[in-house]
Amino acid sequence: MFMQGNIIAGEFDSMMNEFSLQKVKNFDLESVLKVNQINNIYDYLKKHQDEEDGQIITLYDQMPVRLSQNEINQLISDLEKVMSMYH
């Protein structure tokens, strides 16, 4: 099942119970996330969602991408959609 959020997009594989992340903001990528990885990202962002400076995430451990406070809140919403797909 394809999921297009505000910040992320990807494909959820219900047979494998994993999310294939294909886009973050305007960057294309391919990364498979298990439920515990999604939960860890979500928990971290929830703890830091009120920080006015936002957060910097890295893609492929090399490319930093800045997310504003508003984008963090959008990403949290996107992750909640993905989390609802796991079983």
PDB file of N, CA and C in Angstrom:
ATOM      1  N   MET A   1       0.839  -1.172   0.000  1.00  0.00           N
ATOM      2  CA  MET A   1       0.000   0.000   0.000  1.00  0.00           C
ATOM      3  C   MET A   1       0.890   1.244   0.000  1.00  0.00           C
ATOM      4  N   PHE A   2       0.650   2.139  -0.969  1.00  0.00           N
ATOM      5  CA  PHE A   2       1.452   3.353  -1.068  1.00  0.00           C
ATOM      6  C   PHE A   2       0.929   4.404  -0.097  1.00  0.00           C
ATOM      7  N   MET A   3       1.846   5.112   0.552  1.00  0.00           N
ATOM      8  CA  MET A   3       1.485   6.175   1.489  1.00  0.00           C
ATOM      9  C   MET A   3       2.224   7.444   1.079  1.00  0.00           C
ATOM     10  N   GLN A   4       1.461   8.478   0.771  1.00  0.00           N
ATOM     11  CA  GLN A   4       2.026   9.788   0.429  1.00  0.00           C
ATOM     12  C   GLN A   4       1.680  10.746   1.552  1.00  0.00           C
ATOM     13  N   GLY A   5       2.682  11.112   2.337  1.00  0.00           N
ATOM     14  CA  GLY A   5       2.466  12.061   3.417  1.00  0.00           C
ATOM     15  C   GLY A   5       2.948  13.447   3.023  1.00  0.00           C
ATOM     16  N   ASN A   6       3.004  14.334   3.990  1.00  0.00           N
ATOM     17  CA  ASN A   6       3.485  15.692   3.739  1.00  0.00           C
ATOM     18  C   ASN A   6       5.005  15.749   3.615  1.00  0.00           C
ATOM     19  N   ILE A   7       5.702  14.898   4.364  1.00  0.00           N
ATOM     20  CA  ILE A   7       7.167  14.909   4.389  1.00  0.00           C
ATOM     21  C   ILE A   7       7.747  13.637   3.784  1.00  0.00           C
ATOM     22  N   ILE A   8       7.114  12.505   4.043  1.00  0.00           N
ATOM     23  CA  ILE A   8       7.630  11.228   3.542  1.00  0.00           C
ATOM     24  C   ILE A   8       6.615  10.546   2.630  1.00  0.00           C
ATOM     25  N   ALA A   9       7.134   9.647   1.816  1.00  0.00           N
ATOM     26  CA  ALA A   9       6.306   8.803   0.965  1.00  0.00           C
ATOM     27  C   ALA A   9       6.986   7.448   0.867  1.00  0.00           C
ATOM     28  N   GLY A  10       6.177   6.423   0.691  1.00  0.00           N
ATOM     29  CA  GLY A  10       6.743   5.096   0.552  1.00  0.00           C
ATOM     30  C   GLY A  10       5.675   4.039   0.412  1.00  0.00           C
ATOM     31  N   GLU A  11       6.126   2.816   0.396  1.00  0.00           N
ATOM     32  CA  GLU A  11       5.265   1.660   0.181  1.00  0.00           C
ATOM     33  C   GLU A  11       5.298   0.770   1.413  1.00  0.00           C
ATOM     34  N   PHE A  12       4.101   0.424   1.919  1.00  0.00           N
ATOM     35  CA  PHE A  12       4.030  -0.503   3.045  1.00  0.00           C
ATOM     36  C   PHE A  12       3.769  -1.906   2.516  1.00  0.00           C
ATOM     37  N   ASP A  13       4.608  -2.852   2.917  1.00  0.00           N
ATOM     38  CA  ASP A  13       4.462  -4.262   2.542  1.00  0.00           C
ATOM     39  C   ASP A  13       3.854  -4.998   3.724  1.00  0.00           C
ATOM     40  N   SER A  14       2.568  -5.329   3.612  1.00  0.00           N
ATOM     41  CA  SER A  14       1.885  -5.979   4.738  1.00  0.00           C
ATOM     42  C   SER A  14       2.352  -7.416   4.944  1.00  0.00           C
ATOM     43  N   MET A  15       2.824  -8.068   3.889  1.00  0.00           N
ATOM     44  CA  MET A  15       3.325  -9.440   4.038  1.00  0.00           C
ATOM     45  C   MET A  15       4.612  -9.457   4.864  1.00  0.00           C
ATOM     46  N   MET A  16       5.498  -8.502   4.609  1.00  0.00           N
ATOM     47  CA  MET A  16       6.774  -8.429   5.324  1.00  0.00           C
ATOM     48  C   MET A  16       6.673  -7.558   6.576  1.00  0.00           C
ATOM     49  N   ASN A  17       5.564  -6.818   6.708  1.00  0.00           N
ATOM     50  CA  ASN A  17       5.343  -5.908   7.833  1.00  0.00           C
ATOM     51  C   ASN A  17       6.484  -4.894   7.948  1.00  0.00           C
ATOM     52  N   GLU A  18       6.759  -4.227   6.804  1.00  0.00           N
ATOM     53  CA  GLU A  18       7.812  -3.222   6.785  1.00  0.00           C
ATOM     54  C   GLU A  18       7.436  -2.097   5.821  1.00  0.00           C
ATOM     55  N   PHE A  19       8.025  -0.946   6.066  1.00  0.00           N
ATOM     56  CA  PHE A  19       7.756   0.241   5.257  1.00  0.00           C
ATOM     57  C   PHE A  19       8.996   0.582   4.444  1.00  0.00           C
ATOM     58  N   SER A  20       8.819   0.688   3.149  1.00  0.00           N
ATOM     59  CA  SER A  20       9.916   1.055   2.259  1.00  0.00           C
ATOM     60  C   SER A  20       9.830   2.561   2.012  1.00  0.00           C
ATOM     61  N   LEU A  21      10.702   3.291   2.670  1.00  0.00           N
ATOM     62  CA  LEU A  21      10.744   4.747   2.559  1.00  0.00           C
ATOM     63  C   LEU A  21      11.346   5.118   1.209  1.00  0.00           C
ATOM     64  N   GLN A  22      10.610   5.907   0.414  1.00  0.00           N
ATOM     65  CA  GLN A  22      11.059   6.236  -0.935  1.00  0.00           C
ATOM     66  C   GLN A  22      11.335   7.720  -1.142  1.00  0.00           C
ATOM     67  N   LYS A  23      10.813   8.557  -0.243  1.00  0.00           N
ATOM     68  CA  LYS A  23      11.011   9.993  -0.408  1.00  0.00           C
ATOM     69  C   LYS A  23      10.965  10.677   0.950  1.00  0.00           C
ATOM     70  N   VAL A  24      11.898  11.605   1.177  1.00  0.00           N
ATOM     71  CA  VAL A  24      11.896  12.489   2.337  1.00  0.00           C
ATOM     72  C   VAL A  24      12.029  13.902   1.786  1.00  0.00           C
ATOM     73  N   LYS A  25      11.023  14.722   2.061  1.00  0.00           N
ATOM     74  CA  LYS A  25      10.926  16.057   1.455  1.00  0.00           C
ATOM     75  C   LYS A  25      11.008  15.886  -0.055  1.00  0.00           C
ATOM     76  N   ASN A  26      11.976  16.477  -0.709  1.00  0.00           N
ATOM     77  CA  ASN A  26      12.080  16.329  -2.162  1.00  0.00           C
ATOM     78  C   ASN A  26      13.227  15.408  -2.573  1.00  0.00           C
ATOM     79  N   PHE A  27      13.714  14.600  -1.631  1.00  0.00           N
ATOM     80  CA  PHE A  27      14.835  13.697  -1.908  1.00  0.00           C
ATOM     81  C   PHE A  27      14.333  12.267  -2.092  1.00  0.00           C
ATOM     82  N   ASP A  28      14.712  11.649  -3.207  1.00  0.00           N
ATOM     83  CA  ASP A  28      14.377  10.249  -3.461  1.00  0.00           C
ATOM     84  C   ASP A  28      15.404   9.360  -2.785  1.00  0.00           C
ATOM     85  N   LEU A  29      14.933   8.271  -2.201  1.00  0.00           N
ATOM     86  CA  LEU A  29      15.820   7.314  -1.560  1.00  0.00           C
ATOM     87  C   LEU A  29      15.123   5.969  -1.471  1.00  0.00           C
ATOM     88  N   GLU A  30      15.805   4.990  -0.968  1.00  0.00           N
ATOM     89  CA  GLU A  30      15.231   3.664  -0.755  1.00  0.00           C
ATOM     90  C   GLU A  30      15.787   3.124   0.549  1.00  0.00           C
ATOM     91  N   SER A  31      14.910   2.992   1.526  1.00  0.00           N
ATOM     92  CA  SER A  31      15.316   2.485   2.829  1.00  0.00           C
ATOM     93  C   SER A  31      14.142   1.741   3.450  1.00  0.00           C
ATOM     94  N   VAL A  32      14.388   0.549   3.954  1.00  0.00           N
ATOM     95  CA  VAL A  32      13.335  -0.262   4.564  1.00  0.00           C
ATOM     96  C   VAL A  32      13.369  -0.069   6.073  1.00  0.00           C
ATOM     97  N   LEU A  33      12.201   0.247   6.641  1.00  0.00           N
ATOM     98  CA  LEU A  33      12.096   0.503   8.077  1.00  0.00           C
ATOM     99  C   LEU A  33      11.172  -0.507   8.735  1.00  0.00           C
ATOM    100  N   LYS A  34      11.678  -1.149   9.761  1.00  0.00           N
ATOM    101  CA  LYS A  34      10.878  -2.063  10.580  1.00  0.00           C
ATOM    102  C   LYS A  34      10.122  -1.249  11.620  1.00  0.00           C
ATOM    103  N   VAL A  35       9.158  -1.874  12.264  1.00  0.00           N
ATOM    104  CA  VAL A  35       8.295  -1.175  13.219  1.00  0.00           C
ATOM    105  C   VAL A  35       9.094  -0.532  14.350  1.00  0.00           C
ATOM    106  N   ASN A  36      10.124  -1.212  14.857  1.00  0.00           N
ATOM    107  CA  ASN A  36      10.898  -0.635  15.965  1.00  0.00           C
ATOM    108  C   ASN A  36      11.673   0.607  15.519  1.00  0.00           C
ATOM    109  N   GLN A  37      12.109   0.650  14.270  1.00  0.00           N
ATOM    110  CA  GLN A  37      12.814   1.826  13.767  1.00  0.00           C
ATOM    111  C   GLN A  37      11.864   3.018  13.638  1.00  0.00           C
ATOM    112  N   ILE A  38      10.677   2.765  13.119  1.00  0.00           N
ATOM    113  CA  ILE A  38       9.662   3.825  13.023  1.00  0.00           C
ATOM    114  C   ILE A  38       9.319   4.336  14.416  1.00  0.00           C
ATOM    115  N   ASN A  39       9.136   3.406  15.361  1.00  0.00           N
ATOM    116  CA  ASN A  39       8.801   3.803  16.736  1.00  0.00           C
ATOM    117  C   ASN A  39       9.907   4.655  17.356  1.00  0.00           C
ATOM    118  N   ASN A  40      11.165   4.294  17.130  1.00  0.00           N
ATOM    119  CA  ASN A  40      12.286   5.064  17.679  1.00  0.00           C
ATOM    120  C   ASN A  40      12.334   6.476  17.102  1.00  0.00           C
ATOM    121  N   ILE A  41      12.134   6.595  15.805  1.00  0.00           N
ATOM    122  CA  ILE A  41      12.118   7.917  15.170  1.00  0.00           C
ATOM    123  C   ILE A  41      10.961   8.742  15.722  1.00  0.00           C
ATOM    124  N   TYR A  42       9.805   8.124  15.801  1.00  0.00           N
ATOM    125  CA  TYR A  42       8.606   8.808  16.298  1.00  0.00           C
ATOM    126  C   TYR A  42       8.803   9.291  17.736  1.00  0.00           C
ATOM    127  N   ASP A  43       9.294   8.410  18.596  1.00  0.00           N
ATOM    128  CA  ASP A  43       9.512   8.780  20.006  1.00  0.00           C
ATOM    129  C   ASP A  43      10.490   9.942  20.129  1.00  0.00           C
ATOM    130  N   TYR A  44      11.565   9.900  19.363  1.00  0.00           N
ATOM    131  CA  TYR A  44      12.553  10.982  19.407  1.00  0.00           C
ATOM    132  C   TYR A  44      11.922  12.306  18.976  1.00  0.00           C
ATOM    133  N   LEU A  45      11.191  12.272  17.868  1.00  0.00           N
ATOM    134  CA  LEU A  45      10.588  13.504  17.359  1.00  0.00           C
ATOM    135  C   LEU A  45       9.539  14.061  18.316  1.00  0.00           C
ATOM    136  N   LYS A  46       8.765  13.181  18.944  1.00  0.00           N
ATOM    137  CA  LYS A  46       7.756  13.643  19.905  1.00  0.00           C
ATOM    138  C   LYS A  46       8.422  14.356  21.079  1.00  0.00           C
ATOM    139  N   LYS A  47       9.560  13.835  21.527  1.00  0.00           N
ATOM    140  CA  LYS A  47      10.270  14.449  22.656  1.00  0.00           C
ATOM    141  C   LYS A  47      10.844  15.809  22.292  1.00  0.00           C
ATOM    142  N   HIS A  48      11.123  16.028  21.017  1.00  0.00           N
ATOM    143  CA  HIS A  48      11.795  17.250  20.576  1.00  0.00           C
ATOM    144  C   HIS A  48      10.923  18.124  19.665  1.00  0.00           C
ATOM    145  N   GLN A  49       9.637  17.836  19.584  1.00  0.00           N
ATOM    146  CA  GLN A  49       8.790  18.542  18.625  1.00  0.00           C
ATOM    147  C   GLN A  49       8.592  20.024  18.946  1.00  0.00           C
ATOM    148  N   ASP A  50       8.838  20.440  20.172  1.00  0.00           N
ATOM    149  CA  ASP A  50       8.634  21.838  20.546  1.00  0.00           C
ATOM    150  C   ASP A  50       9.887  22.695  20.389  1.00  0.00           C
ATOM    151  N   GLU A  51      10.956  22.112  19.918  1.00  0.00           N
ATOM    152  CA  GLU A  51      12.192  22.874  19.720  1.00  0.00           C
ATOM    153  C   GLU A  51      12.044  23.770  18.487  1.00  0.00           C
ATOM    154  N   GLU A  52      12.180  25.060  18.697  1.00  0.00           N
ATOM    155  CA  GLU A  52      11.936  26.037  17.635  1.00  0.00           C
ATOM    156  C   GLU A  52      12.904  25.921  16.466  1.00  0.00           C
ATOM    157  N   ASP A  53      14.099  25.417  16.713  1.00  0.00           N
ATOM    158  CA  ASP A  53      15.097  25.307  15.645  1.00  0.00           C
ATOM    159  C   ASP A  53      14.885  24.097  14.746  1.00  0.00           C
ATOM    160  N   GLY A  54      13.922  23.227  15.076  1.00  0.00           N
ATOM    161  CA  GLY A  54      13.687  22.032  14.283  1.00  0.00           C
ATOM    162  C   GLY A  54      14.745  20.975  14.544  1.00  0.00           C
ATOM    163  N   GLN A  55      14.931  20.099  13.567  1.00  0.00           N
ATOM    164  CA  GLN A  55      15.884  19.003  13.683  1.00  0.00           C
ATOM    165  C   GLN A  55      16.607  18.829  12.353  1.00  0.00           C
ATOM    166  N   ILE A  56      17.754  18.190  12.428  1.00  0.00           N
ATOM    167  CA  ILE A  56      18.477  17.809  11.219  1.00  0.00           C
ATOM    168  C   ILE A  56      18.531  16.292  11.193  1.00  0.00           C
ATOM    169  N   ILE A  57      18.048  15.721  10.093  1.00  0.00           N
ATOM    170  CA  ILE A  57      18.139  14.274   9.909  1.00  0.00           C
ATOM    171  C   ILE A  57      19.171  14.020   8.816  1.00  0.00           C
ATOM    172  N   THR A  58      19.719  12.832   8.803  1.00  0.00           N
ATOM    173  CA  THR A  58      20.662  12.490   7.742  1.00  0.00           C
ATOM    174  C   THR A  58      20.102  11.347   6.913  1.00  0.00           C
ATOM    175  N   LEU A  59      20.295  11.460   5.621  1.00  0.00           N
ATOM    176  CA  LEU A  59      19.907  10.401   4.698  1.00  0.00           C
ATOM    177  C   LEU A  59      21.166   9.647   4.314  1.00  0.00           C
ATOM    178  N   TYR A  60      21.110   8.343   4.410  1.00  0.00           N
ATOM    179  CA  TYR A  60      22.265   7.481   4.126  1.00  0.00           C
ATOM    180  C   TYR A  60      23.471   7.834   4.990  1.00  0.00           C
ATOM    181  N   ASP A  61      23.229   8.357   6.177  1.00  0.00           N
ATOM    182  CA  ASP A  61      24.286   8.748   7.120  1.00  0.00           C
ATOM    183  C   ASP A  61      25.276   9.735   6.517  1.00  0.00           C
ATOM    184  N   GLN A  62      24.887  10.443   5.474  1.00  0.00           N
ATOM    185  CA  GLN A  62      25.810  11.356   4.800  1.00  0.00           C
ATOM    186  C   GLN A  62      25.205  12.717   4.498  1.00  0.00           C
ATOM    187  N   MET A  63      23.942  12.750   4.097  1.00  0.00           N
ATOM    188  CA  MET A  63      23.356  13.987   3.615  1.00  0.00           C
ATOM    189  C   MET A  63      22.415  14.590   4.659  1.00  0.00           C
ATOM    190  N   PRO A  64      22.820  15.700   5.285  1.00  0.00           N
ATOM    191  CA  PRO A  64      21.952  16.324   6.286  1.00  0.00           C
ATOM    192  C   PRO A  64      20.772  17.047   5.628  1.00  0.00           C
ATOM    193  N   VAL A  65      19.594  16.886   6.225  1.00  0.00           N
ATOM    194  CA  VAL A  65      18.378  17.545   5.753  1.00  0.00           C
ATOM    195  C   VAL A  65      17.734  18.231   6.951  1.00  0.00           C
ATOM    196  N   ARG A  66      17.554  19.544   6.840  1.00  0.00           N
ATOM    197  CA  ARG A  66      16.961  20.301   7.940  1.00  0.00           C
ATOM    198  C   ARG A  66      15.443  20.234   7.863  1.00  0.00           C
ATOM    199  N   LEU A  67      14.816  19.977   9.016  1.00  0.00           N
ATOM    200  CA  LEU A  67      13.361  19.994   9.135  1.00  0.00           C
ATOM    201  C   LEU A  67      12.981  21.085  10.123  1.00  0.00           C
ATOM    202  N   SER A  68      12.116  21.992   9.700  1.00  0.00           N
ATOM    203  CA  SER A  68      11.635  23.047  10.591  1.00  0.00           C
ATOM    204  C   SER A  68      10.704  22.441  11.643  1.00  0.00           C
ATOM    205  N   GLN A  69      10.339  23.226  12.626  1.00  0.00           N
ATOM    206  CA  GLN A  69       9.418  22.749  13.659  1.00  0.00           C
ATOM    207  C   GLN A  69       8.097  22.314  13.025  1.00  0.00           C
ATOM    208  N   ASN A  70       7.605  23.074  12.058  1.00  0.00           N
ATOM    209  CA  ASN A  70       6.373  22.718  11.366  1.00  0.00           C
ATOM    210  C   ASN A  70       6.532  21.407  10.593  1.00  0.00           C
ATOM    211  N   GLU A  71       7.666  21.241   9.925  1.00  0.00           N
ATOM    212  CA  GLU A  71       7.916  20.001   9.183  1.00  0.00           C
ATOM    213  C   GLU A  71       8.039  18.808  10.125  1.00  0.00           C
ATOM    214  N   ILE A  72       8.608  19.022  11.308  1.00  0.00           N
ATOM    215  CA  ILE A  72       8.686  17.944  12.304  1.00  0.00           C
ATOM    216  C   ILE A  72       7.280  17.484  12.669  1.00  0.00           C
ATOM    217  N   ASN A  73       6.376  18.425  12.895  1.00  0.00           N
ATOM    218  CA  ASN A  73       5.000  18.064  13.237  1.00  0.00           C
ATOM    219  C   ASN A  73       4.307  17.343  12.088  1.00  0.00           C
ATOM    220  N   GLN A  74       4.595  17.745  10.856  1.00  0.00           N
ATOM    221  CA  GLN A  74       4.047  17.041   9.696  1.00  0.00           C
ATOM    222  C   GLN A  74       4.618  15.626   9.601  1.00  0.00           C
ATOM    223  N   LEU A  75       5.909  15.488   9.878  1.00  0.00           N
ATOM    224  CA  LEU A  75       6.544  14.170   9.844  1.00  0.00           C
ATOM    225  C   LEU A  75       5.963  13.268  10.927  1.00  0.00           C
ATOM    226  N   ILE A  76       5.709  13.805  12.103  1.00  0.00           N
ATOM    227  CA  ILE A  76       5.081  13.026  13.176  1.00  0.00           C
ATOM    228  C   ILE A  76       3.731  12.503  12.700  1.00  0.00           C
ATOM    229  N   SER A  77       2.956  13.344  12.052  1.00  0.00           N
ATOM    230  CA  SER A  77       1.661  12.927  11.511  1.00  0.00           C
ATOM    231  C   SER A  77       1.827  11.835  10.455  1.00  0.00           C
ATOM    232  N   ASP A  78       2.807  11.993   9.574  1.00  0.00           N
ATOM    233  CA  ASP A  78       3.087  10.969   8.560  1.00  0.00           C
ATOM    234  C   ASP A  78       3.462   9.643   9.221  1.00  0.00           C
ATOM    235  N   LEU A  79       4.316   9.706  10.238  1.00  0.00           N
ATOM    236  CA  LEU A  79       4.745   8.481  10.930  1.00  0.00           C
ATOM    237  C   LEU A  79       3.576   7.799  11.623  1.00  0.00           C
ATOM    238  N   GLU A  80       2.643   8.574  12.157  1.00  0.00           N
ATOM    239  CA  GLU A  80       1.457   7.984  12.789  1.00  0.00           C
ATOM    240  C   GLU A  80       0.641   7.196  11.771  1.00  0.00           C
ATOM    241  N   LYS A  81       0.566   7.691  10.533  1.00  0.00           N
ATOM    242  CA  LYS A  81      -0.128   6.963   9.465  1.00  0.00           C
ATOM    243  C   LYS A  81       0.585   5.646   9.173  1.00  0.00           C
ATOM    244  N   VAL A  82       1.905   5.705   9.088  1.00  0.00           N
ATOM    245  CA  VAL A  82       2.687   4.492   8.816  1.00  0.00           C
ATOM    246  C   VAL A  82       2.538   3.509   9.976  1.00  0.00           C
ATOM    247  N   MET A  83       2.620   4.006  11.204  1.00  0.00           N
ATOM    248  CA  MET A  83       2.528   3.134  12.380  1.00  0.00           C
ATOM    249  C   MET A  83       1.197   2.387  12.417  1.00  0.00           C
ATOM    250  N   SER A  84       0.138   3.004  11.918  1.00  0.00           N
ATOM    251  CA  SER A  84      -1.175   2.351  11.926  1.00  0.00           C
ATOM    252  C   SER A  84      -1.238   1.176  10.951  1.00  0.00           C
ATOM    253  N   MET A  85      -0.291   1.082  10.034  1.00  0.00           N
ATOM    254  CA  MET A  85      -0.275  -0.006   9.049  1.00  0.00           C
ATOM    255  C   MET A  85       0.382  -1.275   9.579  1.00  0.00           C
ATOM    256  N   TYR A  86       1.273  -1.126  10.557  1.00  0.00           N
ATOM    257  CA  TYR A  86       1.970  -2.302  11.092  1.00  0.00           C
ATOM    258  C   TYR A  86       0.999  -3.185  11.861  1.00  0.00           C
ATOM    259  N   HIS A  87       1.276  -4.493  11.856  1.00  0.00           N
ATOM    260  CA  HIS A  87       0.431  -5.424  12.622  1.00  0.00           C
ATOM    261  C   HIS A  87       1.268  -6.286  13.528  1.00  0.00           C
TER     262      HIS A  87
END
